[in-house]
Protein backbone atom coordinates (compact mmCIF):
# COMPACT_ATOMS: atom_id res chain seq x y z
CA MET A 1 63.93 4.24 196.87
CA LYS A 2 66.10 1.28 197.85
CA ARG A 3 65.85 2.33 201.47
CA LYS A 4 62.05 2.42 201.27
CA HIS A 5 61.96 -1.13 199.88
CA LEU A 6 64.46 -2.27 202.51
CA ALA A 7 62.42 -0.70 205.34
CA LEU A 8 59.19 -2.17 203.93
CA GLY A 9 60.85 -5.60 203.62
CA LEU A 10 62.11 -5.44 207.21
CA LEU A 11 58.67 -4.40 208.45
CA LEU A 12 56.97 -7.27 206.61
CA GLY A 13 59.63 -9.70 207.82
CA MET A 14 59.19 -8.65 211.44
CA THR A 15 55.40 -8.88 211.13
CA ALA A 16 55.67 -12.41 209.74
CA LEU A 17 58.05 -13.35 212.52
CA PHE A 18 55.65 -12.16 215.24
CA VAL A 19 52.69 -13.91 213.59
CA GLN A 20 54.68 -17.16 213.33
CA CYS A 21 55.69 -16.99 217.01
CA LYS A 22 52.10 -16.79 218.25
CA ASP A 23 51.57 -19.31 221.11
CA SER A 24 48.98 -21.91 220.22
CA GLY A 25 48.42 -22.68 223.90
CA GLU A 26 48.93 -26.39 223.35
CA ASP A 27 51.75 -26.63 225.90
CA LEU A 28 49.90 -24.69 228.57
CA GLU A 29 48.44 -26.54 231.54
CA PRO A 30 45.11 -25.43 232.98
CA ASP A 31 45.32 -22.93 235.81
CA ASP A 32 44.86 -24.75 239.10
CA GLU A 33 44.10 -22.07 241.67
CA ASN A 34 44.98 -22.16 245.33
CA GLU A 35 42.23 -22.82 247.86
CA LEU A 36 40.75 -20.00 249.96
CA ILE A 37 41.18 -21.12 253.56
CA THR A 38 39.76 -18.89 256.28
CA SER A 39 40.05 -21.28 259.24
CA VAL A 40 42.67 -23.81 260.34
CA THR A 41 42.14 -25.99 263.42
CA LEU A 42 44.87 -28.23 264.80
CA THR A 43 43.54 -30.98 267.08
CA PHE A 44 45.97 -32.78 269.39
CA LYS A 45 44.77 -36.01 271.04
CA GLU A 46 47.11 -36.98 273.87
CA ALA A 47 48.32 -40.58 273.61
CA GLY A 48 47.21 -42.83 276.45
CA THR A 49 44.69 -40.39 277.94
CA GLY A 50 42.43 -39.44 275.07
CA THR A 51 42.55 -35.78 276.17
CA VAL A 52 41.78 -33.62 273.15
CA THR A 53 42.88 -30.01 272.75
CA SER A 54 42.30 -27.82 269.68
CA PHE A 55 44.01 -24.63 268.54
CA SER A 56 42.62 -22.41 265.77
CA PHE A 57 43.40 -19.67 263.33
CA LYS A 58 40.50 -17.70 261.80
CA ASP A 59 40.62 -14.96 259.18
CA ALA A 60 37.16 -14.38 257.68
CA ASP A 61 38.40 -12.74 254.46
CA GLY A 62 41.46 -14.95 253.92
CA ASP A 63 45.00 -13.76 253.30
CA GLY A 64 45.34 -9.98 253.20
CA GLY A 65 42.53 -7.57 254.02
CA ASN A 66 41.41 -7.68 257.64
CA ALA A 67 43.53 -9.15 260.41
CA ALA A 68 42.84 -12.61 261.81
CA THR A 69 40.12 -12.69 264.47
CA ARG A 70 41.66 -15.71 266.21
CA PHE A 71 45.21 -17.02 266.37
CA ASP A 72 45.65 -19.43 269.29
CA THR A 73 48.93 -20.33 270.92
CA VAL A 74 49.59 -24.06 270.63
CA ALA A 75 50.23 -25.24 274.21
CA LEU A 76 51.43 -28.83 274.68
CA LYS A 77 52.79 -30.96 277.53
CA ALA A 78 56.53 -31.57 277.43
CA ASN A 79 57.73 -35.02 276.38
CA THR A 80 54.22 -36.10 275.36
CA ALA A 81 52.98 -37.84 272.20
CA TYR A 82 49.83 -36.72 270.37
CA THR A 83 47.80 -37.70 267.35
CA LEU A 84 47.56 -34.50 265.29
CA THR A 85 44.74 -33.86 262.84
CA VAL A 86 43.95 -30.68 260.93
CA GLN A 87 40.72 -29.16 259.67
CA LEU A 88 40.76 -26.55 256.89
CA LEU A 89 37.63 -24.49 256.17
CA ASP A 90 36.50 -21.80 253.75
CA GLU A 91 33.95 -19.94 255.86
CA SER A 92 33.44 -17.24 253.22
CA LYS A 93 30.92 -19.56 251.52
CA THR A 94 27.43 -20.59 252.56
CA PRO A 95 27.36 -23.34 253.47
CA VAL A 96 30.91 -23.47 254.85
CA GLU A 97 33.21 -25.49 252.56
CA ASP A 98 35.37 -28.12 254.25
CA ILE A 99 38.66 -27.81 252.35
CA THR A 100 39.98 -30.78 254.36
CA ASP A 101 37.78 -33.02 252.18
CA GLU A 102 39.15 -31.41 249.02
CA VAL A 103 42.74 -31.90 250.21
CA ALA A 104 41.95 -35.57 250.93
CA GLU A 105 40.35 -36.01 247.48
CA GLU A 106 43.25 -34.24 245.76
CA SER A 107 45.92 -35.65 248.09
CA ASP A 108 48.36 -36.13 245.20
CA GLU A 109 48.35 -32.31 244.80
CA HIS A 110 48.70 -31.25 248.46
CA LEU A 111 51.25 -31.52 251.25
CA LEU A 112 50.89 -30.23 254.81
CA ILE A 113 54.19 -29.33 256.44
CA TYR A 114 54.71 -28.78 260.18
CA THR A 115 57.95 -26.97 261.02
CA PRO A 116 58.74 -26.19 264.67
CA SER A 117 61.31 -23.56 265.56
CA PRO A 118 63.41 -24.46 267.43
CA ALA A 119 63.24 -27.98 266.02
CA THR A 120 63.64 -29.55 269.47
CA LEU A 121 60.15 -28.40 270.52
CA LEU A 122 58.22 -30.87 268.35
CA THR A 123 58.74 -33.85 266.06
CA TYR A 124 56.08 -34.64 263.47
CA THR A 125 55.63 -38.01 261.73
CA TYR A 126 53.19 -38.32 258.83
CA GLY A 127 50.36 -40.79 259.33
CA ASP A 128 48.86 -40.70 255.83
CA LYS A 129 50.04 -41.08 252.23
CA ASP A 130 48.62 -40.35 248.79
CA VAL A 131 48.25 -42.82 245.89
CA ASN A 132 51.90 -42.19 244.95
CA ASN A 133 53.09 -43.05 248.48
CA TYR A 134 53.96 -39.40 249.30
CA PRO A 135 52.95 -37.90 252.67
CA ILE A 136 49.81 -35.76 253.00
CA GLY A 137 49.77 -34.47 256.59
CA LEU A 138 46.04 -34.48 257.40
CA THR A 139 46.88 -36.83 260.27
CA GLY A 140 50.09 -37.85 261.99
CA THR A 141 51.94 -38.10 265.28
CA ALA A 142 53.37 -35.08 267.08
CA LYS A 143 55.84 -35.61 269.91
CA ALA A 144 56.47 -32.58 272.11
CA GLY A 145 60.05 -32.22 273.30
CA ALA A 146 61.44 -30.51 276.38
CA ALA A 147 59.81 -27.35 277.72
CA GLY A 148 60.33 -24.24 275.66
CA ILE A 149 58.77 -21.48 273.58
CA GLY A 150 58.91 -21.00 269.83
CA LYS A 151 56.84 -21.21 266.64
CA LEU A 152 55.04 -23.93 264.72
CA LYS A 153 54.84 -23.13 261.02
CA VAL A 154 51.91 -24.87 259.33
CA GLN A 155 51.97 -24.85 255.53
CA LEU A 156 49.60 -26.38 253.03
CA ARG A 157 51.56 -26.67 249.79
CA HIS A 158 49.59 -26.81 246.55
CA GLN A 159 51.56 -28.92 244.05
CA PRO A 160 49.32 -29.95 241.12
CA GLY A 161 51.17 -32.28 238.76
CA ALA A 162 54.45 -31.79 240.63
CA LYS A 163 54.15 -33.31 244.13
CA ASN A 164 57.28 -35.26 245.01
CA GLY A 165 57.10 -35.45 248.82
CA THR A 166 59.12 -32.27 249.36
CA PRO A 167 57.99 -28.67 250.00
CA THR A 168 59.00 -27.56 246.50
CA PRO A 169 57.72 -27.02 243.87
CA GLY A 170 54.34 -25.45 244.48
CA SER A 171 52.70 -22.56 246.25
CA ASP A 172 51.17 -22.03 249.69
CA ASP A 173 47.43 -22.39 250.23
CA VAL A 174 48.21 -21.67 253.89
CA ALA A 175 51.36 -20.50 255.69
CA LEU A 176 50.80 -19.80 259.38
CA ASP A 177 53.23 -19.28 262.26
CA PHE A 178 51.46 -20.41 265.45
CA ASN A 179 53.12 -19.49 268.73
CA LEU A 180 54.19 -22.78 270.35
CA LYS A 181 54.54 -23.30 274.09
CA VAL A 182 55.73 -26.66 275.42
CA GLN A 183 55.46 -26.84 279.23
């Protein structure tokens, strides 16, 4: 009989413990989802000449699913400076949603990162900052180095409530590896 009372007491104690540990949700932050981006266009305006060249990535259904329908090679002149701007679109909606505007409006939550590999192919300098004086990356200066072939990784980091001017913390809205040819 003592064992029955002991087992019943343990069962009631464990039930009370689980009920007491129920999360009230007060410490939870609202879910801030990543953007769906189906098109990325990098526009390079050559300094001194005004020559404009654009390179695009298009994937109608976003990440996963069908393969990209367009993935240009970024081809730049060696030892040349450019103004670089980016356009981000969600073409799955009608009308097309310009995510560039959203990134600009929520600039304290987003960071574009341009990483060339090898690093000698391109140097990027941010031309814009958010209200907290952290870089955004919607516009900047790109300086092509000596001739060579490599990759240009373009990332849009989503960092709601945590942006500190570095790639971490956060998650990728976009992570693309463009082929890069400097000639």
